[in-house]
Structures are given as structure tokens and as C-alpha cells.
PDB file of N, CA and C in Angstrom:
ATOM      1  N   MET A   1     -45.362 -16.792 -12.470  1.00  0.00           N
ATOM      2  CA  MET A   1     -45.440 -16.398 -11.209  1.00  0.00           C
ATOM      3  C   MET A   1     -44.203 -16.573 -10.683  1.00  0.00           C
ATOM      4  N   LEU A   2     -43.310 -17.926 -10.632  1.00  0.00           N
ATOM      5  CA  LEU A   2     -42.233 -18.347 -10.611  1.00  0.00           C
ATOM      6  C   LEU A   2     -41.132 -17.810 -11.649  1.00  0.00           C
ATOM      7  N   ALA A   3     -41.512 -17.215 -12.517  1.00  0.00           N
ATOM      8  CA  ALA A   3     -40.368 -16.641 -13.538  1.00  0.00           C
ATOM      9  C   ALA A   3     -39.716 -15.768 -12.844  1.00  0.00           C
ATOM     10  N   PRO A   4     -40.735 -14.945 -12.262  1.00  0.00           N
ATOM     11  CA  PRO A   4     -40.040 -13.186 -11.769  1.00  0.00           C
ATOM     12  C   PRO A   4     -39.327 -13.668 -10.435  1.00  0.00           C
ATOM     13  N   LEU A   5     -39.600 -14.879 -10.121  1.00  0.00           N
ATOM     14  CA  LEU A   5     -38.956 -14.951  -8.516  1.00  0.00           C
ATOM     15  C   LEU A   5     -37.171 -15.873  -9.140  1.00  0.00           C
ATOM     16  N   LYS A   6     -37.581 -16.431 -10.118  1.00  0.00           N
ATOM     17  CA  LYS A   6     -35.992 -17.325 -10.937  1.00  0.00           C
ATOM     18  C   LYS A   6     -35.238 -16.111 -11.234  1.00  0.00           C
ATOM     19  N   ILE A   7     -36.048 -15.018 -11.785  1.00  0.00           N
ATOM     20  CA  ILE A   7     -34.661 -13.747 -12.110  1.00  0.00           C
ATOM     21  C   ILE A   7     -34.650 -13.095 -11.307  1.00  0.00           C
ATOM     22  N   LEU A   8     -35.160 -12.543 -10.194  1.00  0.00           N
ATOM     23  CA  LEU A   8     -34.537 -12.365  -9.160  1.00  0.00           C
ATOM     24  C   LEU A   8     -33.574 -13.092  -8.235  1.00  0.00           C
ATOM     25  N   GLU A   9     -33.998 -14.582  -8.102  1.00  0.00           N
ATOM     26  CA  GLU A   9     -33.056 -15.257  -7.439  1.00  0.00           C
ATOM     27  C   GLU A   9     -31.515 -15.367  -8.210  1.00  0.00           C
ATOM     28  N   GLU A  10     -31.726 -15.077  -9.510  1.00  0.00           N
ATOM     29  CA  GLU A  10     -30.384 -15.111 -10.479  1.00  0.00           C
ATOM     30  C   GLU A  10     -29.645 -14.005 -10.338  1.00  0.00           C
ATOM     31  N   LYS A  11     -30.606 -12.853 -10.286  1.00  0.00           N
ATOM     32  CA  LYS A  11     -29.920 -11.591 -10.250  1.00  0.00           C
ATOM     33  C   LYS A  11     -29.149 -11.227  -8.924  1.00  0.00           C
ATOM     34  N   LEU A  12     -29.618 -11.930  -7.535  1.00  0.00           N
ATOM     35  CA  LEU A  12     -29.051 -11.852  -6.266  1.00  0.00           C
ATOM     36  C   LEU A  12     -28.307 -12.747  -6.311  1.00  0.00           C
ATOM     37  N   SER A  13     -28.099 -13.817  -7.094  1.00  0.00           N
ATOM     38  CA  SER A  13     -26.712 -14.478  -7.150  1.00  0.00           C
ATOM     39  C   SER A  13     -25.687 -13.905  -7.758  1.00  0.00           C
ATOM     40  N   VAL A  14     -26.151 -13.242  -8.848  1.00  0.00           N
ATOM     41  CA  VAL A  14     -24.606 -12.302  -9.551  1.00  0.00           C
ATOM     42  C   VAL A  14     -24.429 -11.136  -8.550  1.00  0.00           C
ATOM     43  N   LEU A  15     -25.443 -10.605  -8.054  1.00  0.00           N
ATOM     44  CA  LEU A  15     -25.079  -9.383  -7.010  1.00  0.00           C
ATOM     45  C   LEU A  15     -24.437  -9.993  -5.947  1.00  0.00           C
ATOM     46  N   ILE A  16     -24.401 -11.626  -5.290  1.00  0.00           N
ATOM     47  CA  ILE A  16     -23.892 -11.932  -4.153  1.00  0.00           C
ATOM     48  C   ILE A  16     -22.223 -12.274  -4.559  1.00  0.00           C
ATOM     49  N   ALA A  17     -22.304 -12.936  -6.027  1.00  0.00           N
ATOM     50  CA  ALA A  17     -20.893 -13.483  -6.523  1.00  0.00           C
ATOM     51  C   ALA A  17     -19.844 -11.901  -6.639  1.00  0.00           C
ATOM     52  N   HIS A  18     -20.676 -10.943  -6.698  1.00  0.00           N
ATOM     53  CA  HIS A  18     -20.173  -9.917  -7.153  1.00  0.00           C
ATOM     54  C   HIS A  18     -19.296  -9.021  -5.918  1.00  0.00           C
ATOM     55  N   THR A  19     -20.056  -9.136  -4.497  1.00  0.00           N
ATOM     56  CA  THR A  19     -20.044  -8.548  -3.611  1.00  0.00           C
ATOM     57  C   THR A  19     -18.669  -9.608  -2.824  1.00  0.00           C
ATOM     58  N   ASN A  20     -18.770 -10.821  -3.339  1.00  0.00           N
ATOM     59  CA  ASN A  20     -17.881 -11.497  -2.609  1.00  0.00           C
ATOM     60  C   ASN A  20     -16.516 -11.400  -3.170  1.00  0.00           C
ATOM     61  N   ALA A  21     -16.391 -10.857  -4.730  1.00  0.00           N
ATOM     62  CA  ALA A  21     -15.264 -10.946  -5.407  1.00  0.00           C
ATOM     63  C   ALA A  21     -14.719  -9.149  -4.895  1.00  0.00           C
ATOM     64  N   LEU A  22     -15.601  -8.564  -4.731  1.00  0.00           N
ATOM     65  CA  LEU A  22     -14.761  -7.223  -4.387  1.00  0.00           C
ATOM     66  C   LEU A  22     -14.844  -7.350  -2.686  1.00  0.00           C
ATOM     67  N   ARG A  23     -14.885  -7.683  -2.036  1.00  0.00           N
ATOM     68  CA  ARG A  23     -14.399  -7.863  -0.624  1.00  0.00           C
ATOM     69  C   ARG A  23     -13.534  -8.822  -0.887  1.00  0.00           C
ATOM     70  N   HIS A  24     -13.296  -9.761  -1.752  1.00  0.00           N
ATOM     71  CA  HIS A  24     -11.400 -10.480  -1.870  1.00  0.00           C
ATOM     72  C   HIS A  24     -10.699  -9.858  -2.292  1.00  0.00           C
ATOM     73  N   ASP A  25     -11.051  -8.475  -3.549  1.00  0.00           N
ATOM     74  CA  ASP A  25     -10.083  -7.665  -4.338  1.00  0.00           C
ATOM     75  C   ASP A  25     -10.067  -6.946  -3.214  1.00  0.00           C
ATOM     76  N   ASN A  26     -10.841  -6.293  -2.297  1.00  0.00           N
ATOM     77  CA  ASN A  26     -10.574  -5.230  -1.030  1.00  0.00           C
ATOM     78  C   ASN A  26      -9.931  -5.407  -0.118  1.00  0.00           C
ATOM     79  N   GLN A  27      -9.633  -6.710   0.319  1.00  0.00           N
ATOM     80  CA  GLN A  27      -8.925  -7.458   1.163  1.00  0.00           C
ATOM     81  C   GLN A  27      -7.317  -7.232   0.825  1.00  0.00           C
ATOM     82  N   ASN A  28      -7.173  -7.893  -0.404  1.00  0.00           N
ATOM     83  CA  ASN A  28      -6.000  -7.746  -1.160  1.00  0.00           C
ATOM     84  C   ASN A  28      -5.691  -6.803  -1.437  1.00  0.00           C
ATOM     85  N   LEU A  29      -6.281  -5.674  -1.953  1.00  0.00           N
ATOM     86  CA  LEU A  29      -5.747  -3.965  -1.974  1.00  0.00           C
ATOM     87  C   LEU A  29      -5.559  -3.709  -0.484  1.00  0.00           C
ATOM     88  N   ARG A  30      -6.210  -4.645   0.549  1.00  0.00           N
ATOM     89  CA  ARG A  30      -5.398  -3.800   2.227  1.00  0.00           C
ATOM     90  C   ARG A  30      -4.179  -4.375   2.368  1.00  0.00           C
ATOM     91  N   GLN A  31      -4.169  -5.786   2.008  1.00  0.00           N
ATOM     92  CA  GLN A  31      -2.622  -5.954   2.453  1.00  0.00           C
ATOM     93  C   GLN A  31      -1.696  -5.685   1.677  1.00  0.00           C
ATOM     94  N   GLU A  32      -1.812  -5.196   0.460  1.00  0.00           N
ATOM     95  CA  GLU A  32      -0.877  -4.467  -0.248  1.00  0.00           C
ATOM     96  C   GLU A  32      -0.781  -3.025   0.209  1.00  0.00           C
ATOM     97  N   ASN A  33      -1.533  -2.432   0.796  1.00  0.00           N
ATOM     98  CA  ASN A  33      -1.698  -1.121   1.256  1.00  0.00           C
ATOM     99  C   ASN A  33      -0.348  -1.077   2.055  1.00  0.00           C
ATOM    100  N   ALA A  34      -0.578  -2.006   3.106  1.00  0.00           N
ATOM    101  CA  ALA A  34      -0.104  -2.611   4.221  1.00  0.00           C
ATOM    102  C   ALA A  34       1.442  -2.658   4.319  1.00  0.00           C
ATOM    103  N   GLN A  35       1.896  -3.479   2.759  1.00  0.00           N
ATOM    104  CA  GLN A  35       3.017  -4.076   2.744  1.00  0.00           C
ATOM    105  C   GLN A  35       3.376  -2.581   1.948  1.00  0.00           C
ATOM    106  N   LEU A  36       3.110  -1.850   1.282  1.00  0.00           N
ATOM    107  CA  LEU A  36       3.534  -0.601   0.774  1.00  0.00           C
ATOM    108  C   LEU A  36       3.648   0.479   1.601  1.00  0.00           C
ATOM    109  N   ARG A  37       3.251   0.707   3.136  1.00  0.00           N
ATOM    110  CA  ARG A  37       3.451   1.524   3.644  1.00  0.00           C
ATOM    111  C   ARG A  37       4.646   1.413   4.451  1.00  0.00           C
ATOM    112  N   ALA A  38       4.615  -0.327   4.941  1.00  0.00           N
ATOM    113  CA  ALA A  38       5.493  -0.732   5.386  1.00  0.00           C
ATOM    114  C   ALA A  38       7.319  -0.451   4.457  1.00  0.00           C
ATOM    115  N   GLN A  39       7.010  -0.708   3.673  1.00  0.00           N
ATOM    116  CA  GLN A  39       7.822  -0.355   2.603  1.00  0.00           C
ATOM    117  C   GLN A  39       8.407   0.805   2.627  1.00  0.00           C
ATOM    118  N   ASN A  40       7.339   1.794   2.342  1.00  0.00           N
ATOM    119  CA  ASN A  40       7.633   3.171   2.521  1.00  0.00           C
ATOM    120  C   ASN A  40       8.299   4.151   3.781  1.00  0.00           C
ATOM    121  N   LYS A  41       8.097   3.547   4.612  1.00  0.00           N
ATOM    122  CA  LYS A  41       8.407   3.821   6.370  1.00  0.00           C
ATOM    123  C   LYS A  41       9.915   3.363   6.158  1.00  0.00           C
ATOM    124  N   GLN A  42      10.349   2.091   5.502  1.00  0.00           N
ATOM    125  CA  GLN A  42      11.516   1.894   5.503  1.00  0.00           C
ATOM    126  C   GLN A  42      12.744   2.253   4.862  1.00  0.00           C
ATOM    127  N   LEU A  43      12.115   2.794   3.678  1.00  0.00           N
ATOM    128  CA  LEU A  43      12.725   3.453   2.641  1.00  0.00           C
ATOM    129  C   LEU A  43      12.766   5.162   3.293  1.00  0.00           C
ATOM    130  N   ALA A  44      11.806   5.755   3.963  1.00  0.00           N
ATOM    131  CA  ALA A  44      11.896   6.864   4.463  1.00  0.00           C
ATOM    132  C   ALA A  44      13.309   7.138   5.318  1.00  0.00           C
ATOM    133  N   GLU A  45      12.953   5.521   6.462  1.00  0.00           N
ATOM    134  CA  GLU A  45      14.526   5.888   7.311  1.00  0.00           C
ATOM    135  C   GLU A  45      15.705   5.623   6.827  1.00  0.00           C
ATOM    136  N   ARG A  46      15.808   4.821   5.946  1.00  0.00           N
ATOM    137  CA  ARG A  46      16.629   4.388   5.055  1.00  0.00           C
ATOM    138  C   ARG A  46      17.456   5.804   4.147  1.00  0.00           C
ATOM    139  N   MET A  47      16.281   6.686   3.841  1.00  0.00           N
ATOM    140  CA  MET A  47      16.744   8.093   3.272  1.00  0.00           C
ATOM    141  C   MET A  47      17.114   8.971   4.426  1.00  0.00           C
ATOM    142  N   SER A  48      16.918   9.072   5.432  1.00  0.00           N
ATOM    143  CA  SER A  48      16.964   9.864   6.390  1.00  0.00           C
ATOM    144  C   SER A  48      18.272   9.271   6.873  1.00  0.00           C
ATOM    145  N   ALA A  49      18.670   8.267   6.915  1.00  0.00           N
ATOM    146  CA  ALA A  49      20.157   7.709   7.251  1.00  0.00           C
ATOM    147  C   ALA A  49      21.041   8.338   6.544  1.00  0.00           C
ATOM    148  N   ALA A  50      20.763   8.033   5.005  1.00  0.00           N
ATOM    149  CA  ALA A  50      21.674   7.994   4.103  1.00  0.00           C
ATOM    150  C   ALA A  50      21.982  10.170   4.185  1.00  0.00           C
ATOM    151  N   GLN A  51      20.888  10.697   4.410  1.00  0.00           N
ATOM    152  CA  GLN A  51      21.137  12.391   4.604  1.00  0.00           C
ATOM    153  C   GLN A  51      21.966  11.883   5.676  1.00  0.00           C
ATOM    154  N   SER A  52      21.802  11.971   6.993  1.00  0.00           N
ATOM    155  CA  SER A  52      22.422  12.001   8.174  1.00  0.00           C
ATOM    156  C   SER A  52      23.999  12.341   8.120  1.00  0.00           C
ATOM    157  N   HIS A  53      24.515  10.786   6.701  1.00  0.00           N
ATOM    158  CA  HIS A  53      25.528  10.098   6.601  1.00  0.00           C
ATOM    159  C   HIS A  53      26.227  11.374   5.542  1.00  0.00           C
ATOM    160  N   ILE A  54      25.702  12.275   4.710  1.00  0.00           N
ATOM    161  CA  ILE A  54      26.005  12.809   3.994  1.00  0.00           C
ATOM    162  C   ILE A  54      26.175  13.881   4.852  1.00  0.00           C
ATOM    163  N   ASP A  55      25.620  14.267   5.529  1.00  0.00           N
ATOM    164  CA  ASP A  55      25.432  15.565   6.230  1.00  0.00           C
ATOM    165  C   ASP A  55      26.936  15.534   7.102  1.00  0.00           C
ATOM    166  N   HIS A  56      27.321  14.245   7.778  1.00  0.00           N
ATOM    167  CA  HIS A  56      28.156  14.078   8.493  1.00  0.00           C
ATOM    168  C   HIS A  56      29.194  13.973   7.748  1.00  0.00           C
ATOM    169  N   VAL A  57      29.765  13.724   6.577  1.00  0.00           N
ATOM    170  CA  VAL A  57      30.761  13.748   5.463  1.00  0.00           C
ATOM    171  C   VAL A  57      31.105  15.324   5.249  1.00  0.00           C
ATOM    172  N   ILE A  58      30.014  15.956   4.400  1.00  0.00           N
ATOM    173  CA  ILE A  58      30.146  17.653   4.072  1.00  0.00           C
ATOM    174  C   ILE A  58      30.743  18.035   5.218  1.00  0.00           C
ATOM    175  N   ALA A  59      30.429  17.892   6.486  1.00  0.00           N
ATOM    176  CA  ALA A  59      31.058  18.708   8.306  1.00  0.00           C
ATOM    177  C   ALA A  59      32.105  18.202   7.917  1.00  0.00           C
ATOM    178  N   GLN A  60      32.734  16.839   7.445  1.00  0.00           N
ATOM    179  CA  GLN A  60      33.892  16.614   8.310  1.00  0.00           C
ATOM    180  C   GLN A  60      35.081  16.984   6.845  1.00  0.00           C
ATOM    181  N   ILE A  61      34.410  17.249   5.315  1.00  0.00           N
ATOM    182  CA  ILE A  61      35.286  17.971   4.555  1.00  0.00           C
ATOM    183  C   ILE A  61      35.603  19.628   4.642  1.00  0.00           C
ATOM    184  N   GLU A  62      34.206  20.254   5.462  1.00  0.00           N
ATOM    185  CA  GLU A  62      34.459  21.456   5.212  1.00  0.00           C
ATOM    186  C   GLU A  62      35.014  21.949   6.526  1.00  0.00           C
ATOM    187  N   SER A  63      35.177  20.748   7.693  1.00  0.00           N
ATOM    188  CA  SER A  63      36.062  21.330   8.889  1.00  0.00           C
ATOM    189  C   SER A  63      37.913  20.796   8.420  1.00  0.00           C
ATOM    190  N   GLN A  64      38.004  19.876   7.678  1.00  0.00           N
ATOM    191  CA  GLN A  64      39.338  19.864   6.959  1.00  0.00           C
ATOM    192  C   GLN A  64      39.667  21.107   6.246  1.00  0.00           C
ATOM    193  N   HIS A  65      38.600  21.533   5.069  1.00  0.00           N
ATOM    194  CA  HIS A  65      39.410  22.479   4.007  1.00  0.00           C
ATOM    195  C   HIS A  65      39.598  23.558   5.159  1.00  0.00           C
ATOM    196  N   THR A  66      38.975  23.654   6.309  1.00  0.00           N
ATOM    197  CA  THR A  66      38.580  25.379   6.833  1.00  0.00           C
ATOM    198  C   THR A  66      40.061  25.636   7.906  1.00  0.00           C
ATOM    199  N   SER A  67      40.447  24.088   8.331  1.00  0.00           N
ATOM    200  CA  SER A  67      41.909  23.799   9.029  1.00  0.00           C
ATOM    201  C   SER A  67      43.132  24.167   8.740  1.00  0.00           C
TER     202      SER A  67
END
């Protein structure tokens, strides 16, 4: 009678360990995701600023060329 309970206890222990490991991994992935989203936002802002600068330079060149 104790053997089935011991097996169940061991399986439950393994399940708890796996659950804790998955929670830890999930938290790490959430942090990494937040960091990557912030980095992506920064890069998008830099690209937008670069595009604006390029557009401004092109407009200056075109206005000098047509004058």
C-alpha cells in the first residue's frame, strides 16, 4: 500500500520540479522579451531619425540642383 503512494510522491516531486523550472524559464523569457521590445523600439526610432535626415539631405541636394 505504501509503494503506490511512494511512486505517486516521487512523480509529484518531479512534476513540481519541472513546473518550477518552467516558471523560471518563463520569467527569463518575459524579461528577455521586454528587453528586445525596448531595443526594437530604440532601433525603430533611430531608423526613423535616419530616414528623416536622409530625406532632408535629398531635399537640400534637389533644391541646390534646381537653383
